[in-house]
């Protein structure tokens, strides 16, 4: 995924209330439980044989190679505490909103005669729940990085640059050359 998608994933991890299981056996058991007992489905997700999954579940294998350990951790993180994540997303999308901290180039399209050349800015801004809801819906439907970037750019345009409609009428913001983006909800 892109920089905004990764930032959303990191924000998800920050709301978790318990750490993920530590050992390979516990992680494999968790994935098997998520897949409703299907070791074949877990094997498909991890790109290993079904028999290897069964060996980890039984405790016959204990230390996965580096590549498998990383995939295993990624898959467990993806499915860990889904209700906690949903509750946090619902709260952000209905009442709390989302905080965007970024350093990026912001360029503008505005009325003729203005000096709105793009420049790098560091912005920390709280966006209302409507933008958080749009971000979560877009991610859930598999939107690409450009779509996520447009949602954040639109939110920053309306809240930060236009001051919720009190100034800069007709301003269109371009959100490019992102150095970093951190999201929090």
C-alpha atoms as a PDB file:
ATOM      1  CA  UNK A   1       0.000   0.000   0.000  1.00  0.00           C
ATOM      2  CA  UNK A   2       1.059   3.630  -0.160  1.00  0.00           C
ATOM      3  CA  UNK A   3       2.167   6.125   2.430  1.00  0.00           C
ATOM      4  CA  UNK A   4      -1.385   7.035   3.546  1.00  0.00           C
ATOM      5  CA  UNK A   5      -2.523   3.421   3.673  1.00  0.00           C
ATOM      6  CA  UNK A   6       0.503   2.512   5.779  1.00  0.00           C
ATOM      7  CA  UNK A   7      -0.192   5.456   8.063  1.00  0.00           C
ATOM      8  CA  UNK A   8      -3.782   4.264   8.527  1.00  0.00           C
ATOM      9  CA  UNK A   9      -2.449   0.814   9.409  1.00  0.00           C
ATOM     10  CA  UNK A  10      -0.075   2.302  12.006  1.00  0.00           C
ATOM     11  CA  UNK A  11      -2.957   4.321  13.462  1.00  0.00           C
ATOM     12  CA  UNK A  12      -4.939   1.078  13.728  1.00  0.00           C
ATOM     13  CA  UNK A  13      -2.115  -0.526  15.680  1.00  0.00           C
ATOM     14  CA  UNK A  14      -2.025   2.349  18.138  1.00  0.00           C
ATOM     15  CA  UNK A  15      -5.599   1.624  19.331  1.00  0.00           C
ATOM     16  CA  UNK A  16      -4.947  -2.032  20.184  1.00  0.00           C
ATOM     17  CA  UNK A  17      -5.289  -2.892  23.848  1.00  0.00           C
ATOM     18  CA  UNK A  18      -3.192  -6.081  23.986  1.00  0.00           C
ATOM     19  CA  UNK A  19       0.047  -7.154  22.286  1.00  0.00           C
ATOM     20  CA  UNK A  20      -0.115  -9.790  19.567  1.00  0.00           C
ATOM     21  CA  UNK A  21       0.858 -13.373  20.494  1.00  0.00           C
ATOM     22  CA  UNK A  22       4.630 -13.800  20.879  1.00  0.00           C
ATOM     23  CA  UNK A  23       5.676 -17.249  19.665  1.00  0.00           C
ATOM     24  CA  UNK A  24       5.241 -18.878  16.271  1.00  0.00           C
ATOM     25  CA  UNK A  25       3.016 -21.590  17.744  1.00  0.00           C
ATOM     26  CA  UNK A  26       0.663 -19.058  19.375  1.00  0.00           C
ATOM     27  CA  UNK A  27       0.534 -17.000  16.193  1.00  0.00           C
ATOM     28  CA  UNK A  28      -0.247 -20.059  14.064  1.00  0.00           C
ATOM     29  CA  UNK A  29      -2.971 -21.144  16.488  1.00  0.00           C
ATOM     30  CA  UNK A  30      -4.474 -17.676  16.329  1.00  0.00           C
ATOM     31  CA  UNK A  31      -4.542 -17.719  12.506  1.00  0.00           C
ATOM     32  CA  UNK A  32      -6.065 -21.202  12.477  1.00  0.00           C
ATOM     33  CA  UNK A  33      -8.756 -19.969  14.871  1.00  0.00           C
ATOM     34  CA  UNK A  34      -9.411 -16.938  12.628  1.00  0.00           C
ATOM     35  CA  UNK A  35      -9.724 -19.245   9.616  1.00  0.00           C
ATOM     36  CA  UNK A  36     -12.203 -21.411  11.556  1.00  0.00           C
ATOM     37  CA  UNK A  37      -9.866 -24.374  11.916  1.00  0.00           C
ATOM     38  CA  UNK A  38      -8.648 -24.483   8.330  1.00  0.00           C
ATOM     39  CA  UNK A  39      -4.906 -25.096   8.240  1.00  0.00           C
ATOM     40  CA  UNK A  40      -5.150 -25.093   4.447  1.00  0.00           C
ATOM     41  CA  UNK A  41      -6.400 -21.490   4.427  1.00  0.00           C
ATOM     42  CA  UNK A  42      -3.602 -20.424   6.787  1.00  0.00           C
ATOM     43  CA  UNK A  43      -1.046 -22.165   4.577  1.00  0.00           C
ATOM     44  CA  UNK A  44      -2.410 -20.318   1.548  1.00  0.00           C
ATOM     45  CA  UNK A  45      -2.203 -16.961   3.378  1.00  0.00           C
ATOM     46  CA  UNK A  46       1.397 -17.565   4.421  1.00  0.00           C
ATOM     47  CA  UNK A  47       2.609 -19.270   1.234  1.00  0.00           C
ATOM     48  CA  UNK A  48       3.698 -22.479   2.982  1.00  0.00           C
ATOM     49  CA  UNK A  49       2.456 -26.064   3.039  1.00  0.00           C
ATOM     50  CA  UNK A  50      -0.480 -27.197   5.112  1.00  0.00           C
ATOM     51  CA  UNK A  51       1.747 -29.745   6.849  1.00  0.00           C
ATOM     52  CA  UNK A  52       4.126 -26.982   7.961  1.00  0.00           C
ATOM     53  CA  UNK A  53       1.232 -25.106   9.552  1.00  0.00           C
ATOM     54  CA  UNK A  54       0.179 -28.271  11.362  1.00  0.00           C
ATOM     55  CA  UNK A  55       3.729 -28.759  12.678  1.00  0.00           C
ATOM     56  CA  UNK A  56       3.815 -25.224  14.079  1.00  0.00           C
ATOM     57  CA  UNK A  57       0.398 -25.694  15.711  1.00  0.00           C
ATOM     58  CA  UNK A  58       1.550 -28.940  17.362  1.00  0.00           C
ATOM     59  CA  UNK A  59       4.788 -27.344  18.514  1.00  0.00           C
ATOM     60  CA  UNK A  60       7.048 -29.595  16.414  1.00  0.00           C
ATOM     61  CA  UNK A  61       8.496 -26.523  14.688  1.00  0.00           C
ATOM     62  CA  UNK A  62       9.332 -23.490  16.790  1.00  0.00           C
ATOM     63  CA  UNK A  63      11.532 -20.984  14.957  1.00  0.00           C
ATOM     64  CA  UNK A  64      10.371 -19.879  11.513  1.00  0.00           C
ATOM     65  CA  UNK A  65      12.848 -18.488   9.031  1.00  0.00           C
ATOM     66  CA  UNK A  66      13.007 -14.686   8.828  1.00  0.00           C
ATOM     67  CA  UNK A  67      10.716 -14.323   5.809  1.00  0.00           C
ATOM     68  CA  UNK A  68       8.010 -16.570   7.277  1.00  0.00           C
ATOM     69  CA  UNK A  69       8.266 -14.873  10.680  1.00  0.00           C
ATOM     70  CA  UNK A  70       7.620 -11.478   9.041  1.00  0.00           C
ATOM     71  CA  UNK A  71       4.651 -12.775   7.023  1.00  0.00           C
ATOM     72  CA  UNK A  72       3.275 -14.481  10.117  1.00  0.00           C
ATOM     73  CA  UNK A  73       3.513 -11.287  12.163  1.00  0.00           C
ATOM     74  CA  UNK A  74       1.902  -9.254   9.367  1.00  0.00           C
ATOM     75  CA  UNK A  75      -1.016 -11.657   9.034  1.00  0.00           C
ATOM     76  CA  UNK A  76      -1.598 -11.813  12.793  1.00  0.00           C
ATOM     77  CA  UNK A  77      -1.503  -7.988  13.060  1.00  0.00           C
ATOM     78  CA  UNK A  78      -4.035  -7.739  10.242  1.00  0.00           C
ATOM     79  CA  UNK A  79      -6.585  -9.836  12.153  1.00  0.00           C
ATOM     80  CA  UNK A  80      -5.729  -8.969  15.769  1.00  0.00           C
ATOM     81  CA  UNK A  81      -8.522  -7.373  17.839  1.00  0.00           C
ATOM     82  CA  UNK A  82     -10.959  -6.503  15.022  1.00  0.00           C
ATOM     83  CA  UNK A  83     -13.691  -5.260  17.369  1.00  0.00           C
ATOM     84  CA  UNK A  84     -11.312  -2.849  19.103  1.00  0.00           C
ATOM     85  CA  UNK A  85     -10.336  -1.444  15.691  1.00  0.00           C
ATOM     86  CA  UNK A  86     -13.950  -1.189  14.553  1.00  0.00           C
ATOM     87  CA  UNK A  87     -14.931   0.612  17.745  1.00  0.00           C
ATOM     88  CA  UNK A  88     -12.084   3.125  17.340  1.00  0.00           C
ATOM     89  CA  UNK A  89     -12.931   3.697  13.657  1.00  0.00           C
ATOM     90  CA  UNK A  90     -16.615   4.147  14.472  1.00  0.00           C
ATOM     91  CA  UNK A  91     -15.759   6.670  17.193  1.00  0.00           C
ATOM     92  CA  UNK A  92     -13.470   8.599  14.813  1.00  0.00           C
ATOM     93  CA  UNK A  93     -16.039   8.531  12.012  1.00  0.00           C
ATOM     94  CA  UNK A  94     -18.954   9.687  14.168  1.00  0.00           C
ATOM     95  CA  UNK A  95     -17.604  11.981  16.860  1.00  0.00           C
ATOM     96  CA  UNK A  96     -13.829  12.172  17.247  1.00  0.00           C
ATOM     97  CA  UNK A  97     -12.424  12.833  13.809  1.00  0.00           C
ATOM     98  CA  UNK A  98      -8.848  12.228  12.781  1.00  0.00           C
ATOM     99  CA  UNK A  99      -5.595  14.134  13.303  1.00  0.00           C
ATOM    100  CA  UNK A 100      -3.277  14.506  10.316  1.00  0.00           C
ATOM    101  CA  UNK A 101       0.344  15.453  10.798  1.00  0.00           C
ATOM    102  CA  UNK A 102       2.266  15.845   7.558  1.00  0.00           C
ATOM    103  CA  UNK A 103       5.153  17.492   5.842  1.00  0.00           C
ATOM    104  CA  UNK A 104       4.433  17.808   2.150  1.00  0.00           C
ATOM    105  CA  UNK A 105       4.320  20.211  -0.750  1.00  0.00           C
ATOM    106  CA  UNK A 106       1.068  22.102  -0.989  1.00  0.00           C
ATOM    107  CA  UNK A 107       0.310  23.896  -4.221  1.00  0.00           C
ATOM    108  CA  UNK A 108      -2.792  25.898  -4.958  1.00  0.00           C
ATOM    109  CA  UNK A 109      -5.066  26.827  -7.790  1.00  0.00           C
ATOM    110  CA  UNK A 110      -6.637  30.152  -6.918  1.00  0.00           C
ATOM    111  CA  UNK A 111      -7.870  33.403  -8.369  1.00  0.00           C
ATOM    112  CA  UNK A 112      -5.605  35.161 -10.921  1.00  0.00           C
ATOM    113  CA  UNK A 113      -3.098  37.579  -9.459  1.00  0.00           C
ATOM    114  CA  UNK A 114      -2.474  35.718  -6.210  1.00  0.00           C
ATOM    115  CA  UNK A 115       0.888  34.291  -5.150  1.00  0.00           C
ATOM    116  CA  UNK A 116       0.038  30.707  -4.392  1.00  0.00           C
ATOM    117  CA  UNK A 117       3.180  28.895  -5.442  1.00  0.00           C
ATOM    118  CA  UNK A 118       3.559  25.458  -3.924  1.00  0.00           C
ATOM    119  CA  UNK A 119       5.919  25.042  -1.010  1.00  0.00           C
ATOM    120  CA  UNK A 120       6.746  22.454   1.624  1.00  0.00           C
ATOM    121  CA  UNK A 121       4.729  22.896   4.802  1.00  0.00           C
ATOM    122  CA  UNK A 122       4.495  21.013   8.063  1.00  0.00           C
ATOM    123  CA  UNK A 123       0.861  20.833   9.126  1.00  0.00           C
ATOM    124  CA  UNK A 124      -0.860  19.217  12.087  1.00  0.00           C
ATOM    125  CA  UNK A 125      -4.618  19.502  11.737  1.00  0.00           C
ATOM    126  CA  UNK A 126      -7.673  17.825  13.234  1.00  0.00           C
ATOM    127  CA  UNK A 127     -10.146  16.823  10.518  1.00  0.00           C
ATOM    128  CA  UNK A 128     -13.849  16.382  11.330  1.00  0.00           C
ATOM    129  CA  UNK A 129     -15.497  12.949  11.505  1.00  0.00           C
ATOM    130  CA  UNK A 130     -16.855  13.203   7.947  1.00  0.00           C
ATOM    131  CA  UNK A 131     -13.328  13.005   6.513  1.00  0.00           C
ATOM    132  CA  UNK A 132     -12.409  10.129   8.828  1.00  0.00           C
ATOM    133  CA  UNK A 133     -15.504   8.261   7.618  1.00  0.00           C
ATOM    134  CA  UNK A 134     -14.533   8.888   3.987  1.00  0.00           C
ATOM    135  CA  UNK A 135     -10.994   7.604   4.626  1.00  0.00           C
ATOM    136  CA  UNK A 136     -12.201   4.425   6.338  1.00  0.00           C
ATOM    137  CA  UNK A 137     -14.814   3.753   3.655  1.00  0.00           C
ATOM    138  CA  UNK A 138     -12.262   4.271   0.894  1.00  0.00           C
ATOM    139  CA  UNK A 139      -9.780   1.909   2.549  1.00  0.00           C
ATOM    140  CA  UNK A 140     -12.474  -0.698   3.154  1.00  0.00           C
ATOM    141  CA  UNK A 141     -13.461  -0.638  -0.532  1.00  0.00           C
ATOM    142  CA  UNK A 142      -9.843  -0.975  -1.654  1.00  0.00           C
ATOM    143  CA  UNK A 143      -9.269   2.562  -2.895  1.00  0.00           C
ATOM    144  CA  UNK A 144      -5.844   3.385  -4.255  1.00  0.00           C
ATOM    145  CA  UNK A 145      -3.355   5.833  -2.761  1.00  0.00           C
ATOM    146  CA  UNK A 146      -4.509   8.701  -5.006  1.00  0.00           C
ATOM    147  CA  UNK A 147      -8.053   8.463  -3.658  1.00  0.00           C
ATOM    148  CA  UNK A 148      -6.846   8.497  -0.036  1.00  0.00           C
ATOM    149  CA  UNK A 149      -4.592  11.458  -0.848  1.00  0.00           C
ATOM    150  CA  UNK A 150      -7.524  13.360  -2.403  1.00  0.00           C
ATOM    151  CA  UNK A 151      -9.638  12.841   0.724  1.00  0.00           C
ATOM    152  CA  UNK A 152      -6.885  14.170   3.012  1.00  0.00           C
ATOM    153  CA  UNK A 153      -6.152  17.058   0.611  1.00  0.00           C
ATOM    154  CA  UNK A 154      -9.841  17.991   0.527  1.00  0.00           C
ATOM    155  CA  UNK A 155     -10.021  17.919   4.329  1.00  0.00           C
ATOM    156  CA  UNK A 156      -6.923  20.069   4.731  1.00  0.00           C
ATOM    157  CA  UNK A 157      -8.200  22.416   2.033  1.00  0.00           C
ATOM    158  CA  UNK A 158     -11.517  22.989   3.777  1.00  0.00           C
ATOM    159  CA  UNK A 159     -10.358  23.050   7.397  1.00  0.00           C
ATOM    160  CA  UNK A 160      -6.817  24.441   7.291  1.00  0.00           C
ATOM    161  CA  UNK A 161      -6.537  26.585   4.178  1.00  0.00           C
ATOM    162  CA  UNK A 162     -10.134  27.797   3.766  1.00  0.00           C
ATOM    163  CA  UNK A 163     -10.745  27.981   7.533  1.00  0.00           C
ATOM    164  CA  UNK A 164     -14.086  26.186   7.161  1.00  0.00           C
ATOM    165  CA  UNK A 165     -15.300  28.504   4.424  1.00  0.00           C
ATOM    166  CA  UNK A 166     -14.355  31.799   6.081  1.00  0.00           C
ATOM    167  CA  UNK A 167     -11.615  32.678   3.588  1.00  0.00           C
ATOM    168  CA  UNK A 168      -9.921  31.725   0.303  1.00  0.00           C
ATOM    169  CA  UNK A 169     -13.100  30.943  -1.601  1.00  0.00           C
ATOM    170  CA  UNK A 170     -12.328  28.992  -4.768  1.00  0.00           C
ATOM    171  CA  UNK A 171      -8.963  27.687  -3.545  1.00  0.00           C
ATOM    172  CA  UNK A 172      -8.034  24.175  -4.701  1.00  0.00           C
ATOM    173  CA  UNK A 173      -5.183  22.444  -2.854  1.00  0.00           C
ATOM    174  CA  UNK A 174      -2.711  19.995  -4.383  1.00  0.00           C
ATOM    175  CA  UNK A 175      -1.128  17.577  -1.895  1.00  0.00           C
ATOM    176  CA  UNK A 176       2.157  16.297  -3.409  1.00  0.00           C
ATOM    177  CA  UNK A 177       5.752  15.354  -2.539  1.00  0.00           C
ATOM    178  CA  UNK A 178       4.764  13.848   0.794  1.00  0.00           C
ATOM    179  CA  UNK A 179       7.733  13.554   3.132  1.00  0.00           C
ATOM    180  CA  UNK A 180       5.692  11.865   5.865  1.00  0.00           C
ATOM    181  CA  UNK A 181       2.104  11.519   7.061  1.00  0.00           C
ATOM    182  CA  UNK A 182       1.005  10.391  10.504  1.00  0.00           C
ATOM    183  CA  UNK A 183      -2.675   9.793  11.229  1.00  0.00           C
ATOM    184  CA  UNK A 184      -4.177   9.383  14.663  1.00  0.00           C
ATOM    185  CA  UNK A 185      -7.706   8.857  15.902  1.00  0.00           C
END
